[in-house]
N, C-alpha and C. Protein backbone atom coordinates (compact mmCIF):
# COMPACT_ATOMS: atom_id res chain seq x y z
N MET A 1 78.73 44.21 63.40
CA MET A 1 77.59 44.76 64.11
C MET A 1 78.04 45.73 65.21
N LYS A 2 79.12 45.39 65.94
CA LYS A 2 79.55 46.27 67.03
C LYS A 2 80.06 47.60 66.49
N CYS A 3 80.66 47.59 65.31
CA CYS A 3 81.16 48.85 64.73
C CYS A 3 80.00 49.76 64.34
N TRP A 4 78.95 49.17 63.80
CA TRP A 4 77.77 49.94 63.40
C TRP A 4 77.06 50.50 64.63
N THR A 5 76.91 49.68 65.67
CA THR A 5 76.25 50.18 66.87
C THR A 5 77.10 51.25 67.57
N GLY A 6 78.42 51.11 67.48
CA GLY A 6 79.30 52.17 67.99
C GLY A 6 79.09 53.46 67.23
N GLY A 7 78.92 53.35 65.92
CA GLY A 7 78.63 54.52 65.09
C GLY A 7 77.30 55.15 65.46
N LEU A 8 76.30 54.31 65.71
CA LEU A 8 74.99 54.83 66.12
C LEU A 8 75.09 55.59 67.44
N LEU A 9 75.81 55.01 68.38
CA LEU A 9 75.96 55.66 69.68
C LEU A 9 76.69 56.99 69.55
N ALA A 10 77.77 57.01 68.76
CA ALA A 10 78.51 58.26 68.56
C ALA A 10 77.61 59.32 67.91
N ALA A 11 76.85 58.91 66.90
CA ALA A 11 75.95 59.85 66.23
C ALA A 11 74.90 60.38 67.20
N TRP A 12 74.36 59.52 68.02
CA TRP A 12 73.33 59.92 68.98
C TRP A 12 73.90 60.94 69.97
N VAL A 13 75.09 60.66 70.49
CA VAL A 13 75.72 61.58 71.46
C VAL A 13 75.96 62.95 70.82
N VAL A 14 76.49 62.95 69.60
CA VAL A 14 76.74 64.22 68.91
C VAL A 14 75.43 64.93 68.63
N GLN A 15 74.42 64.18 68.19
CA GLN A 15 73.13 64.81 67.89
C GLN A 15 72.53 65.46 69.13
N ILE A 16 72.50 64.75 70.23
CA ILE A 16 71.85 65.27 71.43
C ILE A 16 72.69 66.38 72.08
N PHE A 17 73.95 66.10 72.35
CA PHE A 17 74.77 67.07 73.08
C PHE A 17 75.36 68.14 72.17
N GLY A 18 75.75 67.77 70.96
CA GLY A 18 76.28 68.76 70.02
C GLY A 18 75.22 69.77 69.61
N THR A 19 74.03 69.26 69.32
CA THR A 19 72.94 70.16 68.95
C THR A 19 72.54 71.04 70.13
N SER A 20 72.60 70.49 71.32
CA SER A 20 72.31 71.31 72.52
C SER A 20 73.28 72.47 72.61
N ALA A 21 74.55 72.21 72.35
CA ALA A 21 75.55 73.29 72.37
C ALA A 21 75.27 74.31 71.26
N LEU A 22 74.88 73.82 70.09
CA LEU A 22 74.57 74.73 68.98
C LEU A 22 73.35 75.59 69.30
N ILE A 23 72.37 75.03 69.96
CA ILE A 23 71.18 75.79 70.35
C ILE A 23 71.56 76.88 71.34
N ILE A 24 72.41 76.55 72.29
CA ILE A 24 72.87 77.54 73.26
C ILE A 24 73.60 78.67 72.53
N LEU A 25 74.49 78.31 71.61
CA LEU A 25 75.21 79.32 70.83
C LEU A 25 74.26 80.19 70.02
N SER A 26 73.24 79.57 69.42
CA SER A 26 72.31 80.34 68.59
C SER A 26 71.51 81.35 69.41
N ARG A 27 71.39 81.10 70.69
CA ARG A 27 70.69 82.03 71.58
C ARG A 27 71.62 83.09 72.14
N GLY A 28 72.90 82.99 71.81
CA GLY A 28 73.87 83.96 72.30
C GLY A 28 74.25 83.76 73.75
N SER A 29 73.96 82.60 74.28
CA SER A 29 74.29 82.31 75.68
C SER A 29 75.68 81.69 75.78
N GLU A 30 76.19 81.69 76.99
CA GLU A 30 77.50 81.10 77.24
C GLU A 30 77.38 79.57 77.25
N VAL A 31 78.27 78.92 76.53
CA VAL A 31 78.27 77.46 76.46
C VAL A 31 79.12 76.90 77.59
N SER A 32 78.52 76.03 78.36
CA SER A 32 79.23 75.32 79.43
C SER A 32 78.70 73.90 79.46
N LEU A 33 79.43 73.01 80.10
CA LEU A 33 78.96 71.63 80.20
C LEU A 33 77.62 71.56 80.93
N ALA A 34 77.47 72.36 81.95
CA ALA A 34 76.21 72.37 82.71
C ALA A 34 75.05 72.84 81.83
N ALA A 35 75.29 73.87 81.03
CA ALA A 35 74.23 74.39 80.15
C ALA A 35 73.89 73.37 79.07
N ILE A 36 74.92 72.74 78.49
CA ILE A 36 74.67 71.72 77.47
C ILE A 36 73.87 70.57 78.07
N TRP A 37 74.29 70.14 79.25
CA TRP A 37 73.58 69.04 79.91
C TRP A 37 72.12 69.41 80.18
N ALA A 38 71.87 70.64 80.63
CA ALA A 38 70.51 71.08 80.93
C ALA A 38 69.63 71.05 79.69
N VAL A 39 70.14 71.56 78.58
CA VAL A 39 69.35 71.56 77.34
C VAL A 39 69.12 70.13 76.87
N ALA A 40 70.16 69.30 76.90
CA ALA A 40 70.04 67.91 76.46
C ALA A 40 69.09 67.13 77.36
N ASP A 41 69.16 67.39 78.65
CA ASP A 41 68.30 66.69 79.61
C ASP A 41 66.83 67.06 79.43
N ASP A 42 66.57 68.26 78.94
CA ASP A 42 65.19 68.70 78.75
C ASP A 42 64.54 68.08 77.51
N ILE A 43 65.34 67.48 76.64
CA ILE A 43 64.78 66.85 75.43
C ILE A 43 64.01 65.60 75.84
N ALA A 44 62.80 65.49 75.36
CA ALA A 44 61.94 64.35 75.69
C ALA A 44 62.60 63.03 75.31
N PRO A 45 62.46 62.03 76.16
CA PRO A 45 63.04 60.73 75.86
C PRO A 45 62.60 60.16 74.51
N LEU A 46 61.35 60.37 74.14
CA LEU A 46 60.87 59.83 72.86
C LEU A 46 61.56 60.50 71.68
N ALA A 47 61.94 61.76 71.82
CA ALA A 47 62.68 62.43 70.75
C ALA A 47 64.05 61.79 70.59
N LYS A 48 64.69 61.49 71.71
CA LYS A 48 66.02 60.86 71.67
C LYS A 48 65.93 59.45 71.09
N ILE A 49 64.94 58.70 71.52
CA ILE A 49 64.75 57.33 71.04
C ILE A 49 64.33 57.35 69.58
N GLY A 50 63.44 58.26 69.22
CA GLY A 50 62.97 58.34 67.83
C GLY A 50 64.10 58.61 66.87
N PHE A 51 65.02 59.50 67.26
CA PHE A 51 66.15 59.81 66.38
C PHE A 51 67.02 58.58 66.17
N ILE A 52 67.40 57.90 67.24
CA ILE A 52 68.32 56.77 67.08
C ILE A 52 67.66 55.59 66.37
N LEU A 53 66.36 55.39 66.59
CA LEU A 53 65.68 54.31 65.86
C LEU A 53 65.60 54.62 64.36
N ALA A 54 65.27 55.86 64.03
CA ALA A 54 65.23 56.25 62.61
C ALA A 54 66.61 56.13 61.99
N LEU A 55 67.62 56.56 62.72
CA LEU A 55 68.99 56.47 62.21
C LEU A 55 69.41 55.01 62.01
N ALA A 56 69.04 54.16 62.94
CA ALA A 56 69.37 52.74 62.81
C ALA A 56 68.76 52.14 61.55
N VAL A 57 67.51 52.44 61.31
CA VAL A 57 66.84 51.93 60.11
C VAL A 57 67.50 52.48 58.84
N LEU A 58 67.82 53.76 58.86
CA LEU A 58 68.37 54.40 57.66
C LEU A 58 69.83 54.05 57.39
N THR A 59 70.58 53.67 58.42
CA THR A 59 71.98 53.31 58.21
C THR A 59 72.19 51.81 58.10
N ALA A 60 71.17 51.03 58.32
CA ALA A 60 71.31 49.57 58.23
C ALA A 60 71.90 49.12 56.89
N PRO A 61 71.57 49.75 55.77
CA PRO A 61 72.15 49.30 54.50
C PRO A 61 73.68 49.42 54.42
N VAL A 62 74.30 50.28 55.22
CA VAL A 62 75.76 50.42 55.17
C VAL A 62 76.43 49.74 56.37
N ARG A 63 75.67 48.94 57.07
CA ARG A 63 76.19 48.29 58.28
C ARG A 63 77.40 47.43 57.98
N ARG A 64 77.39 46.73 56.87
CA ARG A 64 78.50 45.82 56.55
C ARG A 64 79.22 46.20 55.27
N ARG A 65 78.75 47.17 54.56
CA ARG A 65 79.31 47.51 53.25
C ARG A 65 80.41 48.54 53.32
N ALA A 66 81.49 48.28 52.67
CA ALA A 66 82.60 49.20 52.40
C ALA A 66 82.59 50.47 53.23
N PRO A 67 82.80 50.35 54.54
CA PRO A 67 82.70 51.54 55.38
C PRO A 67 83.74 52.61 55.08
N GLY A 68 84.81 52.27 54.39
CA GLY A 68 85.83 53.25 54.10
C GLY A 68 85.57 54.07 52.86
N ARG A 69 84.54 53.74 52.16
CA ARG A 69 84.24 54.46 50.92
C ARG A 69 83.50 55.75 51.21
N PRO A 70 83.78 56.78 50.41
CA PRO A 70 83.11 58.08 50.62
C PRO A 70 81.58 57.97 50.59
N ILE A 71 81.05 57.03 49.83
CA ILE A 71 79.59 56.90 49.76
C ILE A 71 79.01 56.55 51.13
N ALA A 72 79.75 55.79 51.93
CA ALA A 72 79.27 55.44 53.27
C ALA A 72 79.21 56.68 54.16
N VAL A 73 80.18 57.56 54.03
CA VAL A 73 80.18 58.80 54.81
C VAL A 73 78.99 59.66 54.39
N LEU A 74 78.78 59.78 53.10
CA LEU A 74 77.62 60.54 52.61
C LEU A 74 76.32 59.90 53.05
N TRP A 75 76.28 58.58 53.04
CA TRP A 75 75.08 57.86 53.46
C TRP A 75 74.77 58.17 54.93
N TRP A 76 75.79 58.06 55.79
CA TRP A 76 75.59 58.35 57.21
C TRP A 76 75.11 59.79 57.41
N ALA A 77 75.74 60.73 56.72
CA ALA A 77 75.36 62.14 56.87
C ALA A 77 73.91 62.36 56.43
N GLY A 78 73.57 61.83 55.27
CA GLY A 78 72.20 61.97 54.77
C GLY A 78 71.19 61.26 55.65
N ALA A 79 71.55 60.08 56.13
CA ALA A 79 70.65 59.32 57.00
C ALA A 79 70.41 60.06 58.31
N SER A 80 71.44 60.69 58.83
CA SER A 80 71.31 61.42 60.08
C SER A 80 70.39 62.63 59.91
N ILE A 81 70.57 63.35 58.81
CA ILE A 81 69.69 64.49 58.53
C ILE A 81 68.26 64.03 58.33
N ALA A 82 68.09 62.94 57.58
CA ALA A 82 66.74 62.40 57.36
C ALA A 82 66.11 61.93 58.67
N ALA A 83 66.90 61.29 59.53
CA ALA A 83 66.38 60.82 60.82
C ALA A 83 65.92 62.01 61.67
N LEU A 84 66.70 63.07 61.65
CA LEU A 84 66.32 64.27 62.40
C LEU A 84 65.01 64.85 61.85
N LEU A 85 64.94 65.00 60.53
CA LEU A 85 63.74 65.58 59.92
C LEU A 85 62.51 64.71 60.17
N LEU A 86 62.68 63.40 60.11
CA LEU A 86 61.55 62.49 60.42
C LEU A 86 61.11 62.66 61.86
N THR A 87 62.07 62.75 62.77
CA THR A 87 61.72 62.92 64.18
C THR A 87 61.01 64.25 64.41
N LEU A 88 61.53 65.31 63.80
CA LEU A 88 60.86 66.62 63.92
C LEU A 88 59.45 66.57 63.35
N ALA A 89 59.28 65.91 62.21
CA ALA A 89 58.00 65.90 61.51
C ALA A 89 56.96 65.01 62.18
N LEU A 90 57.38 63.90 62.76
CA LEU A 90 56.42 62.89 63.21
C LEU A 90 56.14 62.86 64.70
N LEU A 91 57.02 63.40 65.50
CA LEU A 91 56.83 63.33 66.94
C LEU A 91 55.69 64.25 67.37
N PRO A 92 54.69 63.70 68.04
CA PRO A 92 53.55 64.53 68.47
C PRO A 92 53.99 65.58 69.50
N GLN A 93 53.34 66.73 69.47
CA GLN A 93 53.70 67.82 70.36
C GLN A 93 53.71 67.43 71.84
N PRO A 94 52.72 66.68 72.33
CA PRO A 94 52.75 66.34 73.76
C PRO A 94 53.97 65.50 74.17
N LEU A 95 54.61 64.84 73.20
CA LEU A 95 55.76 63.99 73.50
C LEU A 95 57.08 64.63 73.05
N SER A 96 57.03 65.92 72.72
CA SER A 96 58.20 66.61 72.15
C SER A 96 58.83 67.61 73.10
N ARG A 97 58.68 67.44 74.39
CA ARG A 97 59.23 68.39 75.35
C ARG A 97 60.70 68.69 75.03
N GLY A 98 61.04 69.96 74.93
CA GLY A 98 62.42 70.36 74.71
C GLY A 98 62.98 70.08 73.33
N PHE A 99 62.13 69.72 72.38
CA PHE A 99 62.60 69.36 71.04
C PHE A 99 61.56 69.77 70.01
N GLY A 100 62.00 70.44 68.97
CA GLY A 100 61.11 70.78 67.85
C GLY A 100 59.88 71.54 68.30
N ILE A 101 58.73 70.98 67.95
CA ILE A 101 57.46 71.64 68.25
C ILE A 101 57.23 71.78 69.75
N GLY A 102 57.78 70.89 70.54
CA GLY A 102 57.64 70.98 71.99
C GLY A 102 58.52 72.07 72.59
N LEU A 103 59.52 72.52 71.85
CA LEU A 103 60.42 73.56 72.34
C LEU A 103 59.98 74.95 71.89
N THR A 104 59.55 75.05 70.63
CA THR A 104 59.25 76.37 70.07
C THR A 104 57.80 76.56 69.64
N GLY A 105 57.04 75.48 69.58
CA GLY A 105 55.67 75.57 69.07
C GLY A 105 55.60 75.40 67.57
N SER A 106 56.73 75.22 66.93
CA SER A 106 56.80 75.03 65.48
C SER A 106 57.66 73.80 65.19
N ARG A 107 57.21 72.96 64.28
CA ARG A 107 57.99 71.75 63.95
C ARG A 107 59.34 72.08 63.33
N PHE A 108 59.34 73.04 62.43
CA PHE A 108 60.57 73.41 61.72
C PHE A 108 60.86 74.89 61.93
N ASP A 109 61.09 75.25 63.18
CA ASP A 109 61.34 76.63 63.55
C ASP A 109 62.57 77.15 62.80
N ALA A 110 62.40 78.25 62.10
CA ALA A 110 63.48 78.80 61.26
C ALA A 110 64.71 79.19 62.07
N ALA A 111 64.52 79.58 63.31
CA ALA A 111 65.67 79.98 64.13
C ALA A 111 66.50 78.78 64.59
N LEU A 112 65.85 77.65 64.85
CA LEU A 112 66.56 76.48 65.38
C LEU A 112 66.90 75.44 64.31
N LEU A 113 66.22 75.46 63.18
CA LEU A 113 66.46 74.45 62.16
C LEU A 113 67.93 74.38 61.72
N PRO A 114 68.62 75.50 61.53
CA PRO A 114 70.04 75.38 61.16
C PRO A 114 70.87 74.66 62.22
N SER A 115 70.59 74.89 63.48
CA SER A 115 71.31 74.19 64.56
C SER A 115 71.01 72.70 64.52
N TYR A 116 69.74 72.36 64.33
CA TYR A 116 69.35 70.96 64.24
C TYR A 116 70.03 70.28 63.04
N LEU A 117 70.02 70.94 61.90
CA LEU A 117 70.60 70.35 60.69
C LEU A 117 72.12 70.21 60.80
N LEU A 118 72.79 71.22 61.32
CA LEU A 118 74.23 71.13 61.50
C LEU A 118 74.57 70.02 62.50
N GLY A 119 73.80 69.94 63.57
CA GLY A 119 74.01 68.87 64.54
C GLY A 119 73.83 67.50 63.92
N ALA A 120 72.82 67.36 63.07
CA ALA A 120 72.57 66.08 62.40
C ALA A 120 73.70 65.74 61.43
N LEU A 121 74.18 66.73 60.70
CA LEU A 121 75.31 66.49 59.79
C LEU A 121 76.53 66.03 60.57
N LEU A 122 76.86 66.73 61.65
CA LEU A 122 78.01 66.35 62.48
C LEU A 122 77.80 64.97 63.11
N ALA A 123 76.57 64.67 63.48
CA ALA A 123 76.26 63.36 64.05
C ALA A 123 76.50 62.26 63.02
N GLY A 124 76.06 62.47 61.79
CA GLY A 124 76.29 61.48 60.74
C GLY A 124 77.76 61.27 60.45
N LEU A 125 78.51 62.35 60.43
CA LEU A 125 79.95 62.25 60.20
C LEU A 125 80.63 61.50 61.36
N ALA A 126 80.19 61.77 62.57
CA ALA A 126 80.75 61.06 63.74
C ALA A 126 80.43 59.58 63.67
N GLY A 127 79.20 59.25 63.29
CA GLY A 127 78.82 57.85 63.18
C GLY A 127 79.64 57.12 62.13
N ALA A 128 79.83 57.74 60.98
CA ALA A 128 80.63 57.14 59.91
C ALA A 128 82.07 56.97 60.36
N TRP A 129 82.62 57.99 61.01
CA TRP A 129 84.01 57.94 61.45
C TRP A 129 84.23 56.80 62.44
N VAL A 130 83.32 56.66 63.42
CA VAL A 130 83.47 55.60 64.42
C VAL A 130 83.36 54.23 63.75
N GLN A 131 82.41 54.07 62.86
CA GLN A 131 82.27 52.77 62.19
C GLN A 131 83.51 52.46 61.35
N MET A 132 84.00 53.42 60.59
CA MET A 132 85.18 53.19 59.75
C MET A 132 86.41 52.90 60.61
N ARG A 133 86.57 53.64 61.67
CA ARG A 133 87.74 53.43 62.54
C ARG A 133 87.69 52.04 63.18
N CYS A 134 86.53 51.65 63.62
CA CYS A 134 86.35 50.35 64.25
C CYS A 134 86.65 49.21 63.27
N GLN A 135 86.23 49.39 62.04
CA GLN A 135 86.44 48.36 61.03
C GLN A 135 87.80 48.48 60.36
N GLY A 136 88.61 49.44 60.79
CA GLY A 136 89.96 49.57 60.27
C GLY A 136 90.03 50.15 58.87
N ALA A 137 89.00 50.92 58.48
CA ALA A 137 88.97 51.45 57.13
C ALA A 137 89.16 52.95 57.06
N GLY A 138 89.12 53.62 58.19
CA GLY A 138 89.21 55.08 58.17
C GLY A 138 90.62 55.59 58.30
N PRO A 139 90.82 56.87 58.07
CA PRO A 139 92.15 57.47 58.16
C PRO A 139 92.75 57.34 59.55
N ALA A 140 91.94 57.34 60.59
CA ALA A 140 92.47 57.25 61.95
C ALA A 140 92.97 55.83 62.26
N ALA A 141 92.53 54.87 61.47
CA ALA A 141 92.94 53.48 61.71
C ALA A 141 94.31 53.18 61.12
N ARG A 142 94.81 54.04 60.28
CA ARG A 142 96.09 53.78 59.59
C ARG A 142 97.26 54.13 60.43
């Protein structure tokens, strides 16, 4: 259980802060820790909570199963992307400050969607890596 929750935390951090950096880059602005923090801080708490809750539900099936297998990595990546898309699709606009429809007025804004999706993919990979490493099944554990 601790390895899975560690994976969830790693995925959440990458999703929130990594995607914030990608959004800054997509705008052509200079990336700094202060800028990343500002963008991440502006994301509504319910968006942050919604993502991690959806990810927890979607990754629960691989919580104890063969974390070193490639299917688990694919599962985490797919679950992270699905969690992001669910959060974008279902979060009401008044509760979406700084995220999705609350940021751009569009749920799936074409300019930001690639940043969101890449961030979700990286978040899923980070979650899988942390879980595998914790359980001694990943390449970093050897």
